[in-house]
N, C-alpha and C. Protein backbone atom coordinates (compact mmCIF):
# COMPACT_ATOMS: atom_id res chain seq x y z
N MET A 1 171.58 94.15 78.37
CA MET A 1 171.68 95.36 78.56
C MET A 1 170.44 95.46 79.80
N LYS A 2 171.20 96.01 80.62
CA LYS A 2 170.50 95.94 82.45
C LYS A 2 170.31 97.66 82.75
N ILE A 3 168.87 97.43 82.54
CA ILE A 3 168.01 99.11 82.80
C ILE A 3 168.20 99.40 84.19
N ASN A 4 167.81 98.47 85.05
CA ASN A 4 168.41 98.61 86.21
C ASN A 4 169.28 99.17 87.04
N ASP A 5 170.64 99.19 86.22
CA ASP A 5 172.11 99.53 86.62
C ASP A 5 172.43 100.83 86.04
N ILE A 6 171.43 101.51 84.98
CA ILE A 6 171.93 102.73 84.69
C ILE A 6 171.87 103.72 85.54
N ASN A 7 173.05 104.53 85.80
CA ASN A 7 173.41 105.65 86.29
C ASN A 7 172.99 106.70 85.82
N PRO A 8 171.77 108.32 86.17
CA PRO A 8 172.01 109.04 84.83
C PRO A 8 172.96 110.72 85.58
N ASP A 9 173.85 110.17 86.09
CA ASP A 9 175.09 110.98 86.54
C ASP A 9 176.07 110.30 85.72
N VAL A 10 176.37 109.16 85.21
CA VAL A 10 177.04 108.87 84.38
C VAL A 10 176.87 108.93 82.93
N GLN A 11 175.69 108.95 82.26
CA GLN A 11 174.96 109.53 81.89
C GLN A 11 174.72 110.56 81.03
N GLY A 12 175.65 111.56 81.87
CA GLY A 12 175.57 113.28 81.60
C GLY A 12 174.43 113.66 82.28
N VAL A 13 173.22 113.43 82.71
CA VAL A 13 172.37 113.58 83.52
C VAL A 13 172.54 114.66 84.36
N SER A 14 172.64 115.91 84.87
CA SER A 14 172.81 116.35 85.79
C SER A 14 171.26 116.85 87.04
N HIS A 15 171.89 116.60 88.21
CA HIS A 15 170.06 116.84 88.92
C HIS A 15 170.10 118.61 88.77
N ARG A 16 169.27 119.34 89.06
CA ARG A 16 169.20 120.69 89.29
C ARG A 16 169.26 120.71 90.54
N ASN A 17 169.67 122.24 90.92
CA ASN A 17 169.53 122.22 92.69
C ASN A 17 168.38 122.75 92.27
N SER A 18 166.85 122.73 93.53
CA SER A 18 165.44 122.98 93.44
C SER A 18 165.58 124.47 93.87
N ASN A 19 166.50 125.05 94.38
CA ASN A 19 166.46 127.18 94.19
C ASN A 19 166.20 127.23 92.56
N ALA A 20 167.83 126.76 91.74
CA ALA A 20 167.53 126.95 90.55
C ALA A 20 166.62 127.37 89.65
N MET A 21 165.21 126.08 90.01
CA MET A 21 164.17 125.71 89.34
C MET A 21 163.17 126.69 89.49
N ALA A 22 163.51 126.65 90.69
CA ALA A 22 161.99 128.02 91.44
C ALA A 22 162.21 129.33 90.79
N GLU A 23 163.75 129.32 90.64
CA GLU A 23 163.84 130.92 90.11
C GLU A 23 163.40 130.80 88.57
N ASN A 24 164.09 129.59 87.90
CA ASN A 24 163.33 129.85 86.85
C ASN A 24 161.98 129.44 86.28
N ASN A 25 161.37 129.29 87.24
CA ASN A 25 159.87 129.21 87.29
C ASN A 25 159.49 129.94 87.83
N THR A 26 160.01 131.33 88.39
CA THR A 26 159.37 132.22 88.97
C THR A 26 159.99 133.09 86.90
N ALA A 27 160.73 133.23 86.73
CA ALA A 27 160.77 134.13 85.04
C ALA A 27 159.82 133.72 84.33
N PHE A 28 159.98 132.31 84.30
CA PHE A 28 159.20 132.33 83.10
C PHE A 28 157.71 132.51 83.15
N LYS A 29 157.13 132.33 84.55
CA LYS A 29 155.95 132.88 84.74
C LYS A 29 156.08 134.70 84.74
N ALA A 30 157.04 135.43 84.96
CA ALA A 30 156.96 136.74 84.99
C ALA A 30 157.13 137.18 83.38
N LEU A 31 157.86 136.04 82.48
CA LEU A 31 157.62 136.47 80.65
C LEU A 31 156.43 136.00 80.03
N PHE A 32 156.10 134.69 80.99
CA PHE A 32 154.64 134.38 80.74
C PHE A 32 153.39 135.47 80.38
N ASN A 33 153.62 135.88 81.78
CA ASN A 33 152.46 136.77 82.09
C ASN A 33 152.65 138.35 81.43
N SER A 34 154.07 138.75 80.90
CA SER A 34 153.96 139.59 80.45
C SER A 34 153.98 139.30 78.83
N GLN A 35 153.50 138.42 78.36
CA GLN A 35 153.35 137.86 76.73
C GLN A 35 151.89 137.83 76.68
N MET A 36 151.05 137.89 77.68
CA MET A 36 149.92 136.72 77.75
C MET A 36 148.76 138.48 78.22
N ALA A 37 149.02 139.27 78.15
CA ALA A 37 148.64 140.59 78.49
C ALA A 37 148.03 141.00 77.59
N PRO A 38 148.55 141.13 76.11
CA PRO A 38 147.90 142.21 74.84
C PRO A 38 146.65 140.67 74.46
N VAL A 39 146.78 139.91 74.72
CA VAL A 39 146.34 138.32 74.94
C VAL A 39 144.95 138.09 75.56
N ASP A 40 145.19 138.48 76.64
CA ASP A 40 143.88 138.98 77.50
C ASP A 40 143.24 139.67 77.20
N GLU A 41 143.44 141.70 76.77
CA GLU A 41 142.90 142.48 76.22
C GLU A 41 141.97 142.03 75.46
N ILE A 42 142.61 141.17 74.61
CA ILE A 42 141.44 140.83 72.98
C ILE A 42 140.73 139.98 73.85
N ARG A 43 140.75 138.96 74.59
CA ARG A 43 139.77 138.21 75.11
C ARG A 43 139.01 138.90 75.93
N ASP A 44 139.07 139.88 76.56
CA ASP A 44 138.18 140.39 77.37
C ASP A 44 137.62 140.78 76.82
N HIS A 45 137.71 141.94 75.10
CA HIS A 45 137.37 142.76 74.55
C HIS A 45 136.20 141.84 73.34
N PHE A 46 136.32 140.72 73.36
CA PHE A 46 135.80 139.49 73.39
C PHE A 46 134.46 139.01 73.76
N ASP A 47 135.19 138.60 75.13
CA ASP A 47 133.69 138.46 76.06
C ASP A 47 132.79 139.65 76.60
N ALA A 48 133.32 140.99 76.29
CA ALA A 48 132.11 142.48 76.77
C ALA A 48 131.21 141.88 74.76
N SER A 49 132.07 141.59 74.12
CA SER A 49 131.01 141.50 72.40
C SER A 49 130.31 140.28 72.82
N ALA A 50 130.51 139.46 73.09
CA ALA A 50 129.69 138.37 73.27
C ALA A 50 128.10 138.78 73.82
N ALA A 51 128.37 139.32 74.63
CA ALA A 51 127.11 139.56 75.50
C ALA A 51 125.73 140.38 74.77
N ASP A 52 126.79 140.35 73.67
CA ASP A 52 125.60 140.97 72.38
C ASP A 52 124.93 140.05 72.31
N GLY A 53 123.38 140.19 71.42
CA GLY A 53 122.46 139.42 71.72
C GLY A 53 122.64 138.90 70.18
N SER A 54 122.89 139.23 69.31
CA SER A 54 123.30 138.71 68.33
C SER A 54 124.43 137.71 68.27
N THR A 55 125.17 137.47 68.90
CA THR A 55 126.09 136.89 68.79
C THR A 55 126.30 135.86 69.55
N LYS A 56 125.29 135.99 70.48
CA LYS A 56 124.67 134.54 71.51
C LYS A 56 123.68 134.18 70.73
N LEU A 57 123.19 134.54 70.52
CA LEU A 57 122.32 133.69 69.04
C LEU A 57 122.73 133.32 68.39
N LEU A 58 123.90 133.21 67.60
CA LEU A 58 124.52 132.98 66.99
C LEU A 58 125.11 131.27 67.46
N GLU A 59 125.70 131.80 68.58
CA GLU A 59 126.79 130.68 69.03
C GLU A 59 125.58 129.28 69.83
N GLN A 60 124.18 129.93 70.31
CA GLN A 60 122.79 128.88 70.78
C GLN A 60 122.77 128.14 69.30
N GLY A 61 122.75 128.78 68.20
CA GLY A 61 122.50 128.36 66.97
C GLY A 61 123.11 127.17 66.50
N ASP A 62 124.34 127.73 66.67
CA ASP A 62 125.61 126.30 66.55
C ASP A 62 125.48 125.58 67.53
N LYS A 63 125.14 125.48 68.45
CA LYS A 63 124.99 124.65 68.93
C LYS A 63 124.22 123.63 69.28
N LEU A 64 123.09 124.21 68.46
CA LEU A 64 121.49 123.50 68.23
C LEU A 64 121.86 122.58 66.94
N LEU A 65 122.29 123.12 66.00
CA LEU A 65 122.68 122.54 64.63
C LEU A 65 123.40 121.54 65.06
N SER A 66 124.58 121.90 65.58
CA SER A 66 125.79 120.73 66.73
C SER A 66 124.73 118.96 66.82
N LEU A 67 123.81 119.73 67.79
CA LEU A 67 122.99 118.24 68.51
C LEU A 67 122.13 117.56 67.37
N LEU A 68 121.69 118.66 66.47
CA LEU A 68 120.50 117.87 65.92
C LEU A 68 121.46 117.27 65.04
N ASP A 69 122.39 117.84 64.36
CA ASP A 69 123.84 116.63 63.20
C ASP A 69 123.95 115.42 63.65
N THR A 70 124.16 115.45 65.35
CA THR A 70 124.29 114.23 66.27
C THR A 70 123.31 113.21 66.23
N TYR A 71 121.80 114.16 66.25
CA TYR A 71 120.40 113.08 66.91
C TYR A 71 120.55 112.63 65.17
N SER A 72 120.75 113.37 64.25
CA SER A 72 120.23 112.69 62.66
C SER A 72 121.52 111.67 62.71
N ALA A 73 122.32 111.84 63.05
CA ALA A 73 123.70 110.38 62.95
C ALA A 73 123.36 109.04 63.45
N ASP A 74 122.67 109.66 64.59
CA ASP A 74 122.19 108.54 65.80
C ASP A 74 121.19 107.69 64.96
N LEU A 75 120.02 108.33 64.20
CA LEU A 75 118.68 107.89 64.06
C LEU A 75 119.09 107.12 62.51
N GLU A 76 120.50 106.92 61.97
CA GLU A 76 120.46 106.45 60.85
C GLU A 76 121.81 105.10 61.78
N ASP A 77 122.22 105.27 62.48
CA ASP A 77 123.05 104.16 62.96
C ASP A 77 121.52 103.38 63.94
N PRO A 78 121.87 101.84 62.76
CA PRO A 78 121.19 101.21 63.23
C PRO A 78 121.35 100.50 64.56
N GLY A 79 122.67 100.31 65.09
CA GLY A 79 123.13 100.24 67.03
C GLY A 79 122.61 101.26 67.74
N LYS A 80 122.21 102.32 67.58
CA LYS A 80 121.00 103.09 68.46
C LYS A 80 119.78 102.96 68.44
N MET A 81 119.77 102.69 70.44
CA MET A 81 118.00 102.39 70.44
C MET A 81 117.60 103.48 70.92
N LEU A 82 116.59 103.68 70.07
CA LEU A 82 115.43 105.33 71.02
C LEU A 82 115.64 105.19 72.19
N LYS A 83 115.63 104.78 72.88
CA LYS A 83 115.15 105.23 74.20
C LYS A 83 117.17 105.75 74.75
N HIS A 84 118.26 105.08 74.45
CA HIS A 84 119.09 106.13 74.66
C HIS A 84 119.12 107.12 73.66
N MET A 85 119.09 107.28 72.62
CA MET A 85 118.68 108.69 72.38
C MET A 85 118.02 110.21 73.33
N GLU A 86 116.51 109.28 74.00
CA GLU A 86 116.47 110.39 74.41
C GLU A 86 116.82 111.50 75.42
N PRO A 87 118.27 111.63 76.20
CA PRO A 87 118.80 112.36 76.86
C PRO A 87 119.15 113.10 76.04
N LEU A 88 119.33 113.14 74.80
CA LEU A 88 120.08 114.24 73.10
C LEU A 88 118.70 115.09 73.18
N VAL A 89 117.75 113.96 73.05
CA VAL A 89 116.40 114.67 72.69
C VAL A 89 115.81 115.49 73.58
N ASN A 90 116.30 115.01 75.37
CA ASN A 90 115.68 116.59 75.91
C ASN A 90 116.52 117.21 76.05
N CYS A 91 117.98 117.36 75.89
CA CYS A 91 118.62 118.36 75.11
C CYS A 91 118.65 119.59 74.36
N ILE A 92 118.30 118.98 73.11
CA ILE A 92 117.46 119.51 72.64
C ILE A 92 116.57 120.28 72.31
N GLU A 93 115.66 119.67 73.10
CA GLU A 93 114.54 120.50 73.47
C GLU A 93 114.75 121.72 74.35
N THR A 94 115.99 121.83 75.20
CA THR A 94 115.81 122.98 76.47
C THR A 94 116.88 123.82 75.26
N GLU A 95 117.52 123.10 74.24
CA GLU A 95 118.32 124.26 73.78
C GLU A 95 117.28 124.80 73.09
N VAL A 96 116.74 124.47 72.25
CA VAL A 96 115.05 125.32 71.56
C VAL A 96 115.04 126.51 72.40
N SER A 97 114.44 125.74 73.41
CA SER A 97 113.38 126.79 74.94
C SER A 97 115.04 127.79 74.91
N ARG A 98 116.33 127.38 75.17
CA ARG A 98 116.75 128.56 75.59
C ARG A 98 117.00 129.98 74.51
N ILE A 99 117.20 129.29 72.89
CA ILE A 99 117.72 130.27 71.75
C ILE A 99 116.30 131.29 71.73
N GLN A 100 114.57 130.52 71.51
CA GLN A 100 113.72 130.82 71.91
C GLN A 100 113.12 131.99 72.81
N GLY A 101 114.23 131.90 74.11
CA GLY A 101 114.34 132.57 74.88
C GLY A 101 115.34 133.86 74.84
N THR A 102 116.55 133.08 74.42
CA THR A 102 117.37 134.53 74.00
C THR A 102 116.79 135.11 73.00
N ALA A 103 116.09 135.28 72.04
CA ALA A 103 115.84 135.67 70.73
C ALA A 103 114.52 136.64 71.25
N ALA A 104 113.85 136.56 72.31
CA ALA A 104 112.75 136.73 72.64
C ALA A 104 113.21 138.04 73.94
N ASP A 105 114.19 138.02 74.52
CA ASP A 105 114.71 138.78 75.44
C ASP A 105 115.88 139.86 74.18
N ASN A 106 116.41 139.51 73.20
CA ASN A 106 117.57 139.92 72.45
C ASN A 106 116.63 141.14 71.65
N ALA A 107 115.55 140.41 71.34
CA ALA A 107 114.52 141.31 69.80
C ALA A 107 115.82 141.37 68.84
N PRO A 108 116.16 140.71 67.82
CA PRO A 108 117.24 141.05 67.43
C PRO A 108 116.87 141.95 66.63
N VAL A 109 117.55 142.65 65.70
CA VAL A 109 117.06 143.67 64.76
C VAL A 109 117.48 143.56 63.71
N ASP A 110 118.46 142.14 63.41
CA ASP A 110 118.64 141.47 61.72
C ASP A 110 117.61 141.12 61.78
N ASN A 111 116.65 140.77 60.43
CA ASN A 111 115.48 139.88 60.13
C ASN A 111 115.73 139.03 59.39
N ASP A 112 117.25 138.74 58.98
CA ASP A 112 118.21 137.23 58.45
C ASP A 112 118.15 136.47 59.33
N LEU A 113 118.74 136.86 60.68
CA LEU A 113 118.84 136.72 61.69
C LEU A 113 117.86 135.54 62.59
N GLN A 114 116.85 136.83 62.46
CA GLN A 114 115.48 136.23 63.28
C GLN A 114 115.23 135.30 62.39
N ASN A 115 115.55 134.98 61.09
CA ASN A 115 114.48 134.59 60.32
C ASN A 115 115.31 132.55 60.67
N LEU A 116 116.55 133.37 60.26
CA LEU A 116 117.12 132.26 60.86
C LEU A 116 117.31 131.31 62.15
N VAL A 117 116.75 131.55 62.95
CA VAL A 117 116.12 131.29 64.57
C VAL A 117 115.13 130.85 64.32
N ASN A 118 113.86 131.42 63.73
CA ASN A 118 113.01 131.05 63.68
C ASN A 118 112.57 129.42 62.64
N GLU A 119 113.64 129.48 61.75
CA GLU A 119 114.09 128.03 60.85
C GLU A 119 114.38 127.41 61.99
N LEU A 120 115.49 127.17 62.71
CA LEU A 120 115.87 126.37 63.09
C LEU A 120 115.39 125.53 64.02
N THR A 121 114.56 126.46 64.87
CA THR A 121 113.58 126.18 66.11
C THR A 121 112.52 125.48 65.61
N VAL A 122 111.79 125.75 64.46
CA VAL A 122 110.80 125.25 63.65
C VAL A 122 111.18 123.34 63.40
N THR A 123 112.27 123.33 62.82
CA THR A 123 113.00 122.34 62.24
C THR A 123 113.55 121.64 63.43
N ALA A 124 113.56 122.22 64.70
CA ALA A 124 114.61 120.99 65.82
C ALA A 124 113.19 120.90 66.54
N SER A 125 111.61 121.67 66.29
CA SER A 125 110.76 121.07 67.20
C SER A 125 109.68 120.02 66.52
N VAL A 126 109.39 120.52 65.17
CA VAL A 126 109.38 119.18 64.24
C VAL A 126 110.08 117.70 64.65
N ALA A 127 111.17 117.99 64.61
CA ALA A 127 112.06 116.27 64.84
C ALA A 127 111.82 115.49 65.80
N MET A 128 111.41 116.60 66.99
CA MET A 128 111.69 116.36 68.16
C MET A 128 109.59 115.73 68.62
N CYS A 129 109.28 116.56 67.56
CA CYS A 129 107.48 116.32 68.02
C CYS A 129 106.88 114.59 67.16
N LYS A 130 108.64 114.55 66.12
CA LYS A 130 108.29 112.90 65.52
C LYS A 130 109.06 112.20 66.31
N PHE A 131 109.70 112.66 66.87
CA PHE A 131 110.61 111.29 67.91
C PHE A 131 109.40 111.48 69.06
N HIS A 132 109.08 112.12 69.55
CA HIS A 132 107.95 111.37 70.88
C HIS A 132 106.58 110.87 70.24
N ARG A 133 106.97 111.56 68.93
CA ARG A 133 105.39 110.76 68.42
C ARG A 133 105.33 109.21 67.70
N GLY A 134 106.72 108.81 67.87
CA GLY A 134 107.32 107.60 67.62
C GLY A 134 107.04 107.03 65.71
N ASP A 135 107.31 108.54 64.80
CA ASP A 135 107.51 108.01 63.58
C ASP A 135 108.48 107.30 63.18
N PHE A 136 110.11 107.30 64.21
CA PHE A 136 110.82 106.33 64.00
C PHE A 136 110.88 104.89 64.40
N ILE A 137 109.83 104.41 64.74
CA ILE A 137 109.96 102.82 65.24
C ILE A 137 109.67 102.02 64.29
C-alpha cells in the first residue's frame, strides 16, 4: 500500500471553496452568539452575586481546603522533601491572609460561616507553624 500516492479527489474528498467556508463560519458565529445570549445573561447574574461576601468567603475557603489537602498528601509522600513543599506553604499562608481580610471586610452575618472561616484559618495557621517549627523533620 502506497500512502504517498493517495489522491484526495479520487477518494471522494472535495476541496471547499474558501468563500463558502467563510459564509458558513459567519453563519455559525451568528447562530452561536444568538444561542449564547441566555448563557451570558446567567453568567452575568452569577458574576454579580459572586461579589457577595459570603460567596467569596466560600470560594476562598474551598481553595484553602484544596491547598491543605495537597499539603497533607505531600506530607505523607516519602519522596517529597520539605524544601520542595515551601512554595505550597507560602501559598497557604497567602490564602489564610486573604480569607481573613475578606472576612474582616465583609463581616458576614452568618455565624456558621464565620465559625467555619475561623476554624479553617486556625487549622491552616497551626499547620504552617508546625511546618516552620520543624515538627515534620
